[in-house]
Amino acid sequence: MKNIKVIVATHKKYQMPTDPMYLPVQVGSEGKEDLGYQRDNEGENISQLNPAFCELTGLYWAWKNLNADYIGLAHYRRHFKGKQHDKDPFKEVLTQAEASVLFDKTDIILTKKRKYYIETIHDHYAHTMYPEPLDEAGKILEEKYPEYKPYFDKHMQERSQHAFNMFIMKKDKFDEYCTWLFDILFELTKRFEDADYSAFHARYPGRVSERL
């Protein structure tokens, strides 16, 4: 069986999958009461950025501190579904054995696409959040990773996406993805460090990352 670890980002006590593949991680744990889970403020971390980066502080912790051949991210209320059918949804969560079989044929597991039908990805974002950080992320892509910009522009006009920042990746691709993602987001936050955003709108790094 493959060495797979999926962190389960949480900020509260909650029922967790019992399969050994899953590792509950208390995100934003810096200065908070210990819930008894792995804390994201140990080792190299950005736990203090959780109010803006949301579950990504757990992702960063996993990137810098977790040793596994495949690494992924789920949420305390959102999980990958396996083949099992049961009235108890926690008995339906993807298992390590099932993921191992899937990784015989692929290097990346994603959620099913979420369809929006009546609005584009950009419109959907702009109807909830201030669009300026998302647009600026496109500019940063053009500056730092211009080969990605046409795909970003195309995706902004699409009507479906792999949502929730949920995935499981082979370690080399996971490293490449996190290097790319956090490089963009850290530059983005520099450009908006003087923005007078409410707590809700200050979460733009986490929101933008879903679109990236």
C-alpha atoms as a PDB file:
ATOM      1  CA  MET A   1       0.000   0.000   0.000  1.00  0.00           C
ATOM      2  CA  LYS A   2       1.303   3.457  -0.911  1.00  0.00           C
ATOM      3  CA  ASN A   3       2.493   5.947   1.703  1.00  0.00           C
ATOM      4  CA  ILE A   4      -0.292   8.565   1.534  1.00  0.00           C
ATOM      5  CA  LYS A   5      -1.137  11.305   4.015  1.00  0.00           C
ATOM      6  CA  VAL A   6      -4.166  13.574   3.715  1.00  0.00           C
ATOM      7  CA  ILE A   7      -4.392  16.377   6.236  1.00  0.00           C
ATOM      8  CA  VAL A   8      -7.873  17.235   7.475  1.00  0.00           C
ATOM      9  CA  ALA A   9      -7.956  20.979   8.113  1.00  0.00           C
ATOM     10  CA  THR A  10     -10.024  21.886  11.159  1.00  0.00           C
ATOM     11  CA  HIS A  11     -10.364  24.647  13.716  1.00  0.00           C
ATOM     12  CA  LYS A  12     -12.686  22.734  16.058  1.00  0.00           C
ATOM     13  CA  LYS A  13     -13.188  19.283  17.504  1.00  0.00           C
ATOM     14  CA  TYR A  14     -15.109  17.156  15.027  1.00  0.00           C
ATOM     15  CA  GLN A  15     -15.536  13.563  13.935  1.00  0.00           C
ATOM     16  CA  MET A  16     -12.550  12.476  11.862  1.00  0.00           C
ATOM     17  CA  PRO A  17     -12.024   9.571   9.430  1.00  0.00           C
ATOM     18  CA  THR A  18     -10.505   6.550  11.157  1.00  0.00           C
ATOM     19  CA  ASP A  19      -8.440   5.440   8.148  1.00  0.00           C
ATOM     20  CA  PRO A  20      -4.691   5.906   8.895  1.00  0.00           C
ATOM     21  CA  MET A  21      -4.271   7.950   5.712  1.00  0.00           C
ATOM     22  CA  TYR A  22      -5.915  10.945   7.412  1.00  0.00           C
ATOM     23  CA  LEU A  23      -4.116  13.366   9.726  1.00  0.00           C
ATOM     24  CA  PRO A  24      -6.280  16.005  11.463  1.00  0.00           C
ATOM     25  CA  VAL A  25      -4.457  19.348  11.562  1.00  0.00           C
ATOM     26  CA  GLN A  26      -5.563  22.255  13.714  1.00  0.00           C
ATOM     27  CA  VAL A  27      -5.205  25.243  11.404  1.00  0.00           C
ATOM     28  CA  GLY A  28      -4.622  28.705  12.801  1.00  0.00           C
ATOM     29  CA  SER A  29      -3.453  27.048  16.011  1.00  0.00           C
ATOM     30  CA  GLU A  30      -0.995  29.813  16.928  1.00  0.00           C
ATOM     31  CA  GLY A  31      -2.209  31.255  20.241  1.00  0.00           C
ATOM     32  CA  LYS A  32      -5.254  28.955  20.317  1.00  0.00           C
ATOM     33  CA  GLU A  33      -6.271  26.215  22.736  1.00  0.00           C
ATOM     34  CA  ASP A  34      -4.846  22.803  21.810  1.00  0.00           C
ATOM     35  CA  LEU A  35      -7.575  20.567  20.353  1.00  0.00           C
ATOM     36  CA  GLY A  36      -5.432  17.439  20.554  1.00  0.00           C
ATOM     37  CA  TYR A  37      -4.708  17.358  16.817  1.00  0.00           C
ATOM     38  CA  GLN A  38      -1.485  18.087  14.967  1.00  0.00           C
ATOM     39  CA  ARG A  39      -0.982  21.853  15.191  1.00  0.00           C
ATOM     40  CA  ASP A  40       0.019  23.952  12.182  1.00  0.00           C
ATOM     41  CA  ASN A  41       2.294  26.212  14.263  1.00  0.00           C
ATOM     42  CA  GLU A  42       5.029  23.593  14.676  1.00  0.00           C
ATOM     43  CA  GLY A  43       8.152  23.428  12.514  1.00  0.00           C
ATOM     44  CA  GLU A  44       8.271  25.784   9.529  1.00  0.00           C
ATOM     45  CA  ASN A  45       4.827  27.349   9.363  1.00  0.00           C
ATOM     46  CA  ILE A  46       2.571  30.326   8.573  1.00  0.00           C
ATOM     47  CA  SER A  47      -0.049  29.566  11.229  1.00  0.00           C
ATOM     48  CA  GLN A  48      -0.414  33.249  12.134  1.00  0.00           C
ATOM     49  CA  LEU A  49      -1.674  33.965   8.600  1.00  0.00           C
ATOM     50  CA  ASN A  50      -4.722  31.710   9.012  1.00  0.00           C
ATOM     51  CA  PRO A  51      -7.303  34.550   9.155  1.00  0.00           C
ATOM     52  CA  ALA A  52      -6.372  35.314   5.529  1.00  0.00           C
ATOM     53  CA  PHE A  53      -4.967  32.022   4.244  1.00  0.00           C
ATOM     54  CA  CYS A  54      -7.624  29.744   5.793  1.00  0.00           C
ATOM     55  CA  GLU A  55      -6.882  26.029   5.250  1.00  0.00           C
ATOM     56  CA  LEU A  56      -3.717  26.945   3.348  1.00  0.00           C
ATOM     57  CA  THR A  57      -1.820  27.316   6.635  1.00  0.00           C
ATOM     58  CA  GLY A  58      -2.369  23.587   7.055  1.00  0.00           C
ATOM     59  CA  LEU A  59      -1.289  22.986   3.472  1.00  0.00           C
ATOM     60  CA  TYR A  60       1.894  24.985   4.049  1.00  0.00           C
ATOM     61  CA  TRP A  61       2.627  23.020   7.225  1.00  0.00           C
ATOM     62  CA  ALA A  62       2.199  19.740   5.321  1.00  0.00           C
ATOM     63  CA  TRP A  63       4.459  20.977   2.515  1.00  0.00           C
ATOM     64  CA  LYS A  64       7.264  21.945   4.865  1.00  0.00           C
ATOM     65  CA  ASN A  65       6.957  19.266   7.553  1.00  0.00           C
ATOM     66  CA  LEU A  66       5.096  16.164   6.380  1.00  0.00           C
ATOM     67  CA  ASN A  67       6.985  13.192   4.981  1.00  0.00           C
ATOM     68  CA  ALA A  68       4.947  10.982   2.629  1.00  0.00           C
ATOM     69  CA  ASP A  69       5.015   9.836  -0.992  1.00  0.00           C
ATOM     70  CA  TYR A  70       1.580  11.364  -1.639  1.00  0.00           C
ATOM     71  CA  ILE A  71       0.124  14.349   0.243  1.00  0.00           C
ATOM     72  CA  GLY A  72      -3.355  15.814   0.171  1.00  0.00           C
ATOM     73  CA  LEU A  73      -5.838  18.169   1.785  1.00  0.00           C
ATOM     74  CA  ALA A  74      -9.414  17.617   2.948  1.00  0.00           C
ATOM     75  CA  HIS A  75     -11.652  19.484   5.413  1.00  0.00           C
ATOM     76  CA  TYR A  76     -13.423  18.478   8.588  1.00  0.00           C
ATOM     77  CA  ARG A  77     -16.762  18.743   6.787  1.00  0.00           C
ATOM     78  CA  ARG A  78     -15.617  17.885   3.262  1.00  0.00           C
ATOM     79  CA  HIS A  79     -14.008  14.606   2.246  1.00  0.00           C
ATOM     80  CA  PHE A  80     -13.318  12.516  -0.843  1.00  0.00           C
ATOM     81  CA  LYS A  81     -15.938   9.813  -1.269  1.00  0.00           C
ATOM     82  CA  GLY A  82     -14.837   6.218  -1.711  1.00  0.00           C
ATOM     83  CA  LYS A  83     -16.727   3.236  -3.120  1.00  0.00           C
ATOM     84  CA  GLN A  84     -18.521   2.295   0.098  1.00  0.00           C
ATOM     85  CA  HIS A  85     -22.230   3.100   0.435  1.00  0.00           C
ATOM     86  CA  ASP A  86     -23.538   3.629   3.941  1.00  0.00           C
ATOM     87  CA  LYS A  87     -25.999   5.789   5.870  1.00  0.00           C
ATOM     88  CA  ASP A  88     -23.017   7.008   7.896  1.00  0.00           C
ATOM     89  CA  PRO A  89     -21.103   9.356   5.548  1.00  0.00           C
ATOM     90  CA  PHE A  90     -17.882   8.776   7.475  1.00  0.00           C
ATOM     91  CA  LYS A  91     -17.978   5.134   6.385  1.00  0.00           C
ATOM     92  CA  GLU A  92     -18.039   6.340   2.761  1.00  0.00           C
ATOM     93  CA  VAL A  93     -14.827   8.400   2.951  1.00  0.00           C
ATOM     94  CA  LEU A  94     -12.047   7.406   0.533  1.00  0.00           C
ATOM     95  CA  THR A  95      -9.645   4.913   2.120  1.00  0.00           C
ATOM     96  CA  GLN A  96      -5.897   4.553   1.774  1.00  0.00           C
ATOM     97  CA  ALA A  97      -6.387   1.237  -0.019  1.00  0.00           C
ATOM     98  CA  GLU A  98      -8.736   2.848  -2.552  1.00  0.00           C
ATOM     99  CA  ALA A  99      -6.416   5.809  -3.076  1.00  0.00           C
ATOM    100  CA  SER A 100      -3.473   3.452  -3.597  1.00  0.00           C
ATOM    101  CA  VAL A 101      -5.321   1.769  -6.445  1.00  0.00           C
ATOM    102  CA  LEU A 102      -6.169   5.112  -8.032  1.00  0.00           C
ATOM    103  CA  PHE A 103      -2.528   6.157  -7.871  1.00  0.00           C
ATOM    104  CA  ASP A 104      -1.583   3.161  -9.985  1.00  0.00           C
ATOM    105  CA  LYS A 105      -3.034   5.141 -12.909  1.00  0.00           C
ATOM    106  CA  THR A 106      -2.576   8.806 -11.981  1.00  0.00           C
ATOM    107  CA  ASP A 107      -0.459  11.213  -9.928  1.00  0.00           C
ATOM    108  CA  ILE A 108      -3.267  13.552  -8.855  1.00  0.00           C
ATOM    109  CA  ILE A 109      -6.738  13.050  -7.353  1.00  0.00           C
ATOM    110  CA  LEU A 110      -9.200  15.966  -7.420  1.00  0.00           C
ATOM    111  CA  THR A 111     -12.788  16.627  -6.436  1.00  0.00           C
ATOM    112  CA  LYS A 112     -15.450  16.424  -9.109  1.00  0.00           C
ATOM    113  CA  LYS A 113     -15.966  19.740 -10.858  1.00  0.00           C
ATOM    114  CA  ARG A 114     -18.482  22.064  -9.244  1.00  0.00           C
ATOM    115  CA  LYS A 115     -20.743  23.638 -11.878  1.00  0.00           C
ATOM    116  CA  TYR A 116     -22.111  27.170 -11.625  1.00  0.00           C
ATOM    117  CA  TYR A 117     -24.231  27.204 -14.811  1.00  0.00           C
ATOM    118  CA  ILE A 118     -25.482  30.812 -14.761  1.00  0.00           C
ATOM    119  CA  GLU A 119     -22.204  32.646 -14.069  1.00  0.00           C
ATOM    120  CA  THR A 120     -18.533  32.419 -14.919  1.00  0.00           C
ATOM    121  CA  ILE A 121     -15.802  31.656 -12.397  1.00  0.00           C
ATOM    122  CA  HIS A 122     -14.823  35.334 -12.351  1.00  0.00           C
ATOM    123  CA  ASP A 123     -18.414  36.502 -11.923  1.00  0.00           C
ATOM    124  CA  HIS A 124     -19.025  33.987  -9.149  1.00  0.00           C
ATOM    125  CA  TYR A 125     -15.969  35.277  -7.289  1.00  0.00           C
ATOM    126  CA  ALA A 126     -16.868  38.939  -7.843  1.00  0.00           C
ATOM    127  CA  HIS A 127     -20.410  38.406  -6.553  1.00  0.00           C
ATOM    128  CA  THR A 128     -18.980  37.355  -3.174  1.00  0.00           C
ATOM    129  CA  MET A 129     -15.525  38.946  -2.827  1.00  0.00           C
ATOM    130  CA  TYR A 130     -13.801  42.093  -4.064  1.00  0.00           C
ATOM    131  CA  PRO A 131     -12.495  41.170  -7.545  1.00  0.00           C
ATOM    132  CA  GLU A 132      -9.273  43.225  -7.365  1.00  0.00           C
ATOM    133  CA  PRO A 133      -7.119  40.521  -5.668  1.00  0.00           C
ATOM    134  CA  LEU A 134      -8.232  37.918  -8.213  1.00  0.00           C
ATOM    135  CA  ASP A 135      -7.457  40.244 -11.091  1.00  0.00           C
ATOM    136  CA  GLU A 136      -4.089  41.105  -9.543  1.00  0.00           C
ATOM    137  CA  ALA A 137      -3.299  37.390  -9.239  1.00  0.00           C
ATOM    138  CA  GLY A 138      -3.699  37.239 -13.013  1.00  0.00           C
ATOM    139  CA  LYS A 139      -1.191  40.062 -13.386  1.00  0.00           C
ATOM    140  CA  ILE A 140       1.272  38.284 -11.091  1.00  0.00           C
ATOM    141  CA  LEU A 141       0.894  35.144 -13.183  1.00  0.00           C
ATOM    142  CA  GLU A 142       1.690  37.143 -16.298  1.00  0.00           C
ATOM    143  CA  GLU A 143       4.821  38.524 -14.638  1.00  0.00           C
ATOM    144  CA  LYS A 144       6.114  35.375 -12.930  1.00  0.00           C
ATOM    145  CA  TYR A 145       4.622  32.463 -14.879  1.00  0.00           C
ATOM    146  CA  PRO A 146       3.453  33.865 -18.237  1.00  0.00           C
ATOM    147  CA  GLU A 147       2.917  30.404 -19.707  1.00  0.00           C
ATOM    148  CA  TYR A 148      -0.025  29.990 -17.275  1.00  0.00           C
ATOM    149  CA  LYS A 149      -1.763  33.294 -18.072  1.00  0.00           C
ATOM    150  CA  PRO A 150      -3.782  32.070 -21.100  1.00  0.00           C
ATOM    151  CA  TYR A 151      -5.149  29.206 -19.006  1.00  0.00           C
ATOM    152  CA  PHE A 152      -6.022  31.594 -16.168  1.00  0.00           C
ATOM    153  CA  ASP A 153      -7.902  33.882 -18.571  1.00  0.00           C
ATOM    154  CA  LYS A 154      -9.718  30.927 -20.086  1.00  0.00           C
ATOM    155  CA  HIS A 155     -10.674  29.544 -16.683  1.00  0.00           C
ATOM    156  CA  MET A 156     -12.069  32.892 -15.521  1.00  0.00           C
ATOM    157  CA  GLN A 157     -14.665  32.585 -18.306  1.00  0.00           C
ATOM    158  CA  GLU A 158     -15.537  28.953 -17.576  1.00  0.00           C
ATOM    159  CA  ARG A 159     -18.487  27.840 -15.468  1.00  0.00           C
ATOM    160  CA  SER A 160     -17.028  24.974 -13.442  1.00  0.00           C
ATOM    161  CA  GLN A 161     -14.024  24.344 -11.226  1.00  0.00           C
ATOM    162  CA  HIS A 162     -12.397  21.819  -8.897  1.00  0.00           C
ATOM    163  CA  ALA A 163     -13.360  23.571  -5.667  1.00  0.00           C
ATOM    164  CA  PHE A 164     -12.402  23.609  -1.976  1.00  0.00           C
ATOM    165  CA  ASN A 165      -8.603  23.326  -2.428  1.00  0.00           C
ATOM    166  CA  MET A 166      -9.022  19.554  -2.109  1.00  0.00           C
ATOM    167  CA  PHE A 167      -6.566  17.213  -3.808  1.00  0.00           C
ATOM    168  CA  ILE A 168      -4.075  14.413  -3.226  1.00  0.00           C
ATOM    169  CA  MET A 169      -0.821  14.578  -5.219  1.00  0.00           C
ATOM    170  CA  LYS A 170       2.364  12.638  -5.697  1.00  0.00           C
ATOM    171  CA  LYS A 171       5.063  14.370  -3.653  1.00  0.00           C
ATOM    172  CA  ASP A 172       7.060  15.840  -6.549  1.00  0.00           C
ATOM    173  CA  LYS A 173       3.968  17.443  -8.061  1.00  0.00           C
ATOM    174  CA  PHE A 174       2.805  18.546  -4.623  1.00  0.00           C
ATOM    175  CA  ASP A 175       6.128  20.323  -4.095  1.00  0.00           C
ATOM    176  CA  GLU A 176       5.938  21.985  -7.511  1.00  0.00           C
ATOM    177  CA  TYR A 177       2.344  23.089  -6.904  1.00  0.00           C
ATOM    178  CA  CYS A 178       3.006  24.562  -3.445  1.00  0.00           C
ATOM    179  CA  THR A 179       6.132  26.375  -4.656  1.00  0.00           C
ATOM    180  CA  TRP A 180       4.072  27.954  -7.455  1.00  0.00           C
ATOM    181  CA  LEU A 181       0.981  28.675  -5.345  1.00  0.00           C
ATOM    182  CA  PHE A 182       2.644  30.298  -2.340  1.00  0.00           C
ATOM    183  CA  ASP A 183       5.002  32.336  -4.515  1.00  0.00           C
ATOM    184  CA  ILE A 184       1.944  33.924  -6.136  1.00  0.00           C
ATOM    185  CA  LEU A 185      -0.023  34.363  -2.897  1.00  0.00           C
ATOM    186  CA  PHE A 186       2.846  35.894  -0.911  1.00  0.00           C
ATOM    187  CA  GLU A 187       3.390  38.424  -3.705  1.00  0.00           C
ATOM    188  CA  LEU A 188      -0.354  39.090  -3.810  1.00  0.00           C
ATOM    189  CA  THR A 189      -0.552  39.857  -0.094  1.00  0.00           C
ATOM    190  CA  LYS A 190       2.367  42.286  -0.418  1.00  0.00           C
ATOM    191  CA  ARG A 191       0.377  44.240  -2.986  1.00  0.00           C
ATOM    192  CA  PHE A 192      -2.702  44.433  -0.749  1.00  0.00           C
ATOM    193  CA  GLU A 193      -1.051  44.856   2.648  1.00  0.00           C
ATOM    194  CA  ASP A 194      -2.560  48.356   2.997  1.00  0.00           C
ATOM    195  CA  ALA A 195      -6.062  47.299   1.908  1.00  0.00           C
ATOM    196  CA  ASP A 196      -8.726  48.128   4.495  1.00  0.00           C
ATOM    197  CA  TYR A 197     -10.679  44.882   4.224  1.00  0.00           C
ATOM    198  CA  SER A 198     -13.127  43.400   6.707  1.00  0.00           C
ATOM    199  CA  ALA A 199     -12.302  40.006   8.222  1.00  0.00           C
ATOM    200  CA  PHE A 200     -14.461  38.362   5.541  1.00  0.00           C
ATOM    201  CA  HIS A 201     -12.802  40.087   2.583  1.00  0.00           C
ATOM    202  CA  ALA A 202      -9.333  39.703   4.108  1.00  0.00           C
ATOM    203  CA  ARG A 203      -9.640  35.992   3.352  1.00  0.00           C
ATOM    204  CA  TYR A 204      -8.897  36.678  -0.310  1.00  0.00           C
ATOM    205  CA  PRO A 205      -5.651  34.581  -0.377  1.00  0.00           C
ATOM    206  CA  GLY A 206      -7.628  31.460   0.473  1.00  0.00           C
ATOM    207  CA  ARG A 207     -10.379  32.348  -1.988  1.00  0.00           C
ATOM    208  CA  VAL A 208      -8.020  33.227  -4.823  1.00  0.00           C
ATOM    209  CA  SER A 209      -6.096  29.996  -4.278  1.00  0.00           C
ATOM    210  CA  GLU A 210      -9.179  27.942  -5.161  1.00  0.00           C
ATOM    211  CA  ARG A 211      -9.255  29.586  -8.579  1.00  0.00           C
ATOM    212  CA  LEU A 212      -5.535  29.108  -9.058  1.00  0.00           C
END
